[in-house]
């Protein structure tokens, strides 16, 4: 699994003109799943994401986690995170999981985040989505399970 974590002041995702997910302060996540990913990968990344210390404490140091600041998550599935651009000019998406497997792992990941006490909003799996955010910092990280 591969997750792009963007610290944000607010974010939302729209499908066909309808806002389907919206958060305030927290993380906007772009979530990619590959063939061999399992619930263990989802568990590892859920634990990692909610405990990343990237929010500022009273001294201005990045010492606080999403849990510490009561932040929210907007989780958006994105198979293109497994696009291979090393050859040619058109990305190869062979490393992206098939939709049925990707959906299972993506939903498991979101459930695990919620179980850790975080409010989670999502996009719509497999749909064309418009994502808006105000990136805070900006702070953008890539975390992977393998």
C-alpha atoms as a PDB file:
ATOM      1  CA  UNK A   1       0.000   0.000   0.000  1.00  0.00           C
ATOM      2  CA  UNK A   2       1.054   3.525  -0.675  1.00  0.00           C
ATOM      3  CA  UNK A   3      -0.499   6.593   0.959  1.00  0.00           C
ATOM      4  CA  UNK A   4       0.193  10.235   0.195  1.00  0.00           C
ATOM      5  CA  UNK A   5      -0.490  12.195   3.389  1.00  0.00           C
ATOM      6  CA  UNK A   6      -1.216  15.908   3.054  1.00  0.00           C
ATOM      7  CA  UNK A   7      -1.675  17.957   6.203  1.00  0.00           C
ATOM      8  CA  UNK A   8      -4.579  20.284   5.519  1.00  0.00           C
ATOM      9  CA  UNK A   9      -6.635  23.075   7.021  1.00  0.00           C
ATOM     10  CA  UNK A  10      -9.697  21.729   5.181  1.00  0.00           C
ATOM     11  CA  UNK A  11     -10.489  19.443   2.261  1.00  0.00           C
ATOM     12  CA  UNK A  12     -13.423  18.097   0.299  1.00  0.00           C
ATOM     13  CA  UNK A  13     -14.177  15.700  -2.523  1.00  0.00           C
ATOM     14  CA  UNK A  14     -16.949  16.156  -5.073  1.00  0.00           C
ATOM     15  CA  UNK A  15     -18.504  13.598  -7.432  1.00  0.00           C
ATOM     16  CA  UNK A  16     -20.763  14.829 -10.244  1.00  0.00           C
ATOM     17  CA  UNK A  17     -21.245  18.180  -8.496  1.00  0.00           C
ATOM     18  CA  UNK A  18     -22.120  16.624  -5.101  1.00  0.00           C
ATOM     19  CA  UNK A  19     -19.802  17.001  -2.090  1.00  0.00           C
ATOM     20  CA  UNK A  20     -19.413  13.430  -0.820  1.00  0.00           C
ATOM     21  CA  UNK A  21     -16.683  14.004   1.776  1.00  0.00           C
ATOM     22  CA  UNK A  22     -15.574  17.085   3.699  1.00  0.00           C
ATOM     23  CA  UNK A  23     -13.221  17.692   6.637  1.00  0.00           C
ATOM     24  CA  UNK A  24     -11.618  20.481   8.603  1.00  0.00           C
ATOM     25  CA  UNK A  25      -8.104  20.286  10.060  1.00  0.00           C
ATOM     26  CA  UNK A  26      -6.386  16.974   9.506  1.00  0.00           C
ATOM     27  CA  UNK A  27      -5.099  14.779   6.696  1.00  0.00           C
ATOM     28  CA  UNK A  28      -6.173  14.403   3.110  1.00  0.00           C
ATOM     29  CA  UNK A  29      -5.030  10.916   2.098  1.00  0.00           C
ATOM     30  CA  UNK A  30      -4.544   9.552  -1.408  1.00  0.00           C
ATOM     31  CA  UNK A  31      -4.609   5.756  -1.020  1.00  0.00           C
ATOM     32  CA  UNK A  32      -3.159   3.256  -3.495  1.00  0.00           C
ATOM     33  CA  UNK A  33      -3.373  -0.523  -3.250  1.00  0.00           C
ATOM     34  CA  UNK A  34      -1.205  -3.077  -5.049  1.00  0.00           C
ATOM     35  CA  UNK A  35      -1.769  -6.791  -5.715  1.00  0.00           C
ATOM     36  CA  UNK A  36      -0.212  -8.366  -2.620  1.00  0.00           C
ATOM     37  CA  UNK A  37      -1.607  -5.938  -0.057  1.00  0.00           C
ATOM     38  CA  UNK A  38      -3.459  -7.440   2.902  1.00  0.00           C
ATOM     39  CA  UNK A  39      -5.300  -6.351   6.024  1.00  0.00           C
ATOM     40  CA  UNK A  40      -1.879  -6.328   7.743  1.00  0.00           C
ATOM     41  CA  UNK A  41      -0.719  -3.611   5.332  1.00  0.00           C
ATOM     42  CA  UNK A  42      -3.877  -1.610   6.044  1.00  0.00           C
ATOM     43  CA  UNK A  43      -3.331  -2.037   9.805  1.00  0.00           C
ATOM     44  CA  UNK A  44       0.316  -0.951   9.583  1.00  0.00           C
ATOM     45  CA  UNK A  45      -0.533   2.184   7.606  1.00  0.00           C
ATOM     46  CA  UNK A  46      -3.562   3.111   9.719  1.00  0.00           C
ATOM     47  CA  UNK A  47      -1.363   2.989  12.826  1.00  0.00           C
ATOM     48  CA  UNK A  48       1.397   4.949  11.095  1.00  0.00           C
ATOM     49  CA  UNK A  49      -0.913   7.664   9.734  1.00  0.00           C
ATOM     50  CA  UNK A  50      -2.793   8.481  12.943  1.00  0.00           C
ATOM     51  CA  UNK A  51       0.466   8.641  14.909  1.00  0.00           C
ATOM     52  CA  UNK A  52       2.610  10.683  12.492  1.00  0.00           C
ATOM     53  CA  UNK A  53       3.929  13.627  14.505  1.00  0.00           C
ATOM     54  CA  UNK A  54       3.539  16.416  11.955  1.00  0.00           C
ATOM     55  CA  UNK A  55       1.368  18.948  13.774  1.00  0.00           C
ATOM     56  CA  UNK A  56       3.023  21.778  15.672  1.00  0.00           C
ATOM     57  CA  UNK A  57       3.169  21.897  19.446  1.00  0.00           C
ATOM     58  CA  UNK A  58       3.199  25.083  21.538  1.00  0.00           C
ATOM     59  CA  UNK A  59       6.913  25.563  20.706  1.00  0.00           C
ATOM     60  CA  UNK A  60       6.256  25.371  16.948  1.00  0.00           C
ATOM     61  CA  UNK A  61       7.887  21.929  16.581  1.00  0.00           C
ATOM     62  CA  UNK A  62       6.226  19.111  14.641  1.00  0.00           C
ATOM     63  CA  UNK A  63       5.601  16.945  17.711  1.00  0.00           C
ATOM     64  CA  UNK A  64       1.858  16.254  17.712  1.00  0.00           C
ATOM     65  CA  UNK A  65      -0.100  13.532  15.943  1.00  0.00           C
ATOM     66  CA  UNK A  66      -3.520  13.611  14.317  1.00  0.00           C
ATOM     67  CA  UNK A  67      -4.878  11.977  17.480  1.00  0.00           C
ATOM     68  CA  UNK A  68      -3.254  14.658  19.667  1.00  0.00           C
ATOM     69  CA  UNK A  69      -4.897  17.509  17.738  1.00  0.00           C
ATOM     70  CA  UNK A  70      -8.279  15.837  17.176  1.00  0.00           C
ATOM     71  CA  UNK A  71      -7.860  15.997  13.403  1.00  0.00           C
ATOM     72  CA  UNK A  72     -10.006  14.385  10.728  1.00  0.00           C
ATOM     73  CA  UNK A  73      -9.205  12.344   7.624  1.00  0.00           C
ATOM     74  CA  UNK A  74     -10.447  12.606   4.058  1.00  0.00           C
ATOM     75  CA  UNK A  75      -9.461   9.314   2.399  1.00  0.00           C
ATOM     76  CA  UNK A  76      -9.524   9.131  -1.411  1.00  0.00           C
ATOM     77  CA  UNK A  77      -8.720   5.969  -3.367  1.00  0.00           C
ATOM     78  CA  UNK A  78      -6.196   6.523  -6.136  1.00  0.00           C
ATOM     79  CA  UNK A  79      -4.925   3.642  -8.266  1.00  0.00           C
ATOM     80  CA  UNK A  80      -2.650   6.035 -10.161  1.00  0.00           C
ATOM     81  CA  UNK A  81      -0.245   6.005  -7.189  1.00  0.00           C
ATOM     82  CA  UNK A  82       0.981   2.732  -8.657  1.00  0.00           C
ATOM     83  CA  UNK A  83       1.563   4.215 -12.110  1.00  0.00           C
ATOM     84  CA  UNK A  84       5.025   3.322 -13.407  1.00  0.00           C
ATOM     85  CA  UNK A  85       6.460   6.170 -15.487  1.00  0.00           C
ATOM     86  CA  UNK A  86       9.970   4.801 -16.004  1.00  0.00           C
ATOM     87  CA  UNK A  87       9.387   3.729 -19.621  1.00  0.00           C
ATOM     88  CA  UNK A  88       7.805   5.769 -22.345  1.00  0.00           C
ATOM     89  CA  UNK A  89       5.382   8.616 -21.786  1.00  0.00           C
ATOM     90  CA  UNK A  90       2.228   6.782 -20.791  1.00  0.00           C
ATOM     91  CA  UNK A  91       2.111   5.386 -17.242  1.00  0.00           C
ATOM     92  CA  UNK A  92       1.810   1.637 -16.804  1.00  0.00           C
ATOM     93  CA  UNK A  93      -0.738   0.705 -14.111  1.00  0.00           C
ATOM     94  CA  UNK A  94       0.065  -3.020 -13.911  1.00  0.00           C
ATOM     95  CA  UNK A  95       1.114  -2.680 -10.245  1.00  0.00           C
ATOM     96  CA  UNK A  96      -2.279  -1.292  -9.199  1.00  0.00           C
ATOM     97  CA  UNK A  97      -4.571  -3.885  -7.619  1.00  0.00           C
ATOM     98  CA  UNK A  98      -7.689  -5.048  -9.442  1.00  0.00           C
ATOM     99  CA  UNK A  99     -10.765  -3.064  -8.326  1.00  0.00           C
ATOM    100  CA  UNK A 100     -12.357  -5.797  -6.166  1.00  0.00           C
ATOM    101  CA  UNK A 101      -9.162  -6.366  -4.157  1.00  0.00           C
ATOM    102  CA  UNK A 102      -8.354  -2.650  -3.968  1.00  0.00           C
ATOM    103  CA  UNK A 103     -11.848  -1.829  -2.669  1.00  0.00           C
ATOM    104  CA  UNK A 104     -11.613  -4.496   0.043  1.00  0.00           C
ATOM    105  CA  UNK A 105      -8.257  -3.206   1.329  1.00  0.00           C
ATOM    106  CA  UNK A 106      -9.270   0.462   0.984  1.00  0.00           C
ATOM    107  CA  UNK A 107     -12.457  -0.085   3.001  1.00  0.00           C
ATOM    108  CA  UNK A 108     -10.520  -2.051   5.608  1.00  0.00           C
ATOM    109  CA  UNK A 109      -7.989   0.795   5.902  1.00  0.00           C
ATOM    110  CA  UNK A 110     -10.757   3.357   6.418  1.00  0.00           C
ATOM    111  CA  UNK A 111     -12.483   1.157   9.011  1.00  0.00           C
ATOM    112  CA  UNK A 112      -9.191   0.738  10.907  1.00  0.00           C
ATOM    113  CA  UNK A 113      -8.644   4.510  10.911  1.00  0.00           C
ATOM    114  CA  UNK A 114     -12.151   5.006  12.338  1.00  0.00           C
ATOM    115  CA  UNK A 115     -11.539   2.362  14.997  1.00  0.00           C
ATOM    116  CA  UNK A 116      -8.571   4.436  16.179  1.00  0.00           C
ATOM    117  CA  UNK A 117     -10.975   7.236  17.043  1.00  0.00           C
ATOM    118  CA  UNK A 118     -10.558   9.419  13.964  1.00  0.00           C
ATOM    119  CA  UNK A 119     -13.486  10.863  12.013  1.00  0.00           C
ATOM    120  CA  UNK A 120     -13.044   9.595   8.432  1.00  0.00           C
ATOM    121  CA  UNK A 121     -14.752  10.902   5.310  1.00  0.00           C
ATOM    122  CA  UNK A 122     -14.179   9.329   1.892  1.00  0.00           C
ATOM    123  CA  UNK A 123     -14.551   9.865  -1.794  1.00  0.00           C
ATOM    124  CA  UNK A 124     -16.347   7.303  -3.961  1.00  0.00           C
ATOM    125  CA  UNK A 125     -14.251   4.363  -5.054  1.00  0.00           C
ATOM    126  CA  UNK A 126     -13.863   4.095  -8.822  1.00  0.00           C
ATOM    127  CA  UNK A 127     -15.526   7.447  -9.574  1.00  0.00           C
ATOM    128  CA  UNK A 128     -14.079  10.555 -11.178  1.00  0.00           C
ATOM    129  CA  UNK A 129     -13.574  12.937  -8.265  1.00  0.00           C
ATOM    130  CA  UNK A 130     -12.676  16.592  -7.813  1.00  0.00           C
ATOM    131  CA  UNK A 131     -10.528  17.006  -4.712  1.00  0.00           C
ATOM    132  CA  UNK A 132      -9.936  20.391  -3.099  1.00  0.00           C
ATOM    133  CA  UNK A 133      -7.745  21.144  -0.114  1.00  0.00           C
ATOM    134  CA  UNK A 134      -5.904  23.894   1.608  1.00  0.00           C
ATOM    135  CA  UNK A 135      -2.543  22.278   2.224  1.00  0.00           C
ATOM    136  CA  UNK A 136      -1.178  23.291   5.627  1.00  0.00           C
ATOM    137  CA  UNK A 137       2.538  24.023   5.493  1.00  0.00           C
ATOM    138  CA  UNK A 138       2.630  22.457   2.990  1.00  0.00           C
ATOM    139  CA  UNK A 139       3.374  19.148   4.663  1.00  0.00           C
ATOM    140  CA  UNK A 140       3.183  16.195   2.269  1.00  0.00           C
ATOM    141  CA  UNK A 141       4.559  12.718   2.987  1.00  0.00           C
ATOM    142  CA  UNK A 142       4.495   9.336   1.256  1.00  0.00           C
ATOM    143  CA  UNK A 143       4.160   6.296   3.500  1.00  0.00           C
ATOM    144  CA  UNK A 144       4.290   2.705   2.320  1.00  0.00           C
ATOM    145  CA  UNK A 145       3.638  -0.640   3.921  1.00  0.00           C
ATOM    146  CA  UNK A 146       6.435  -2.518   2.153  1.00  0.00           C
END
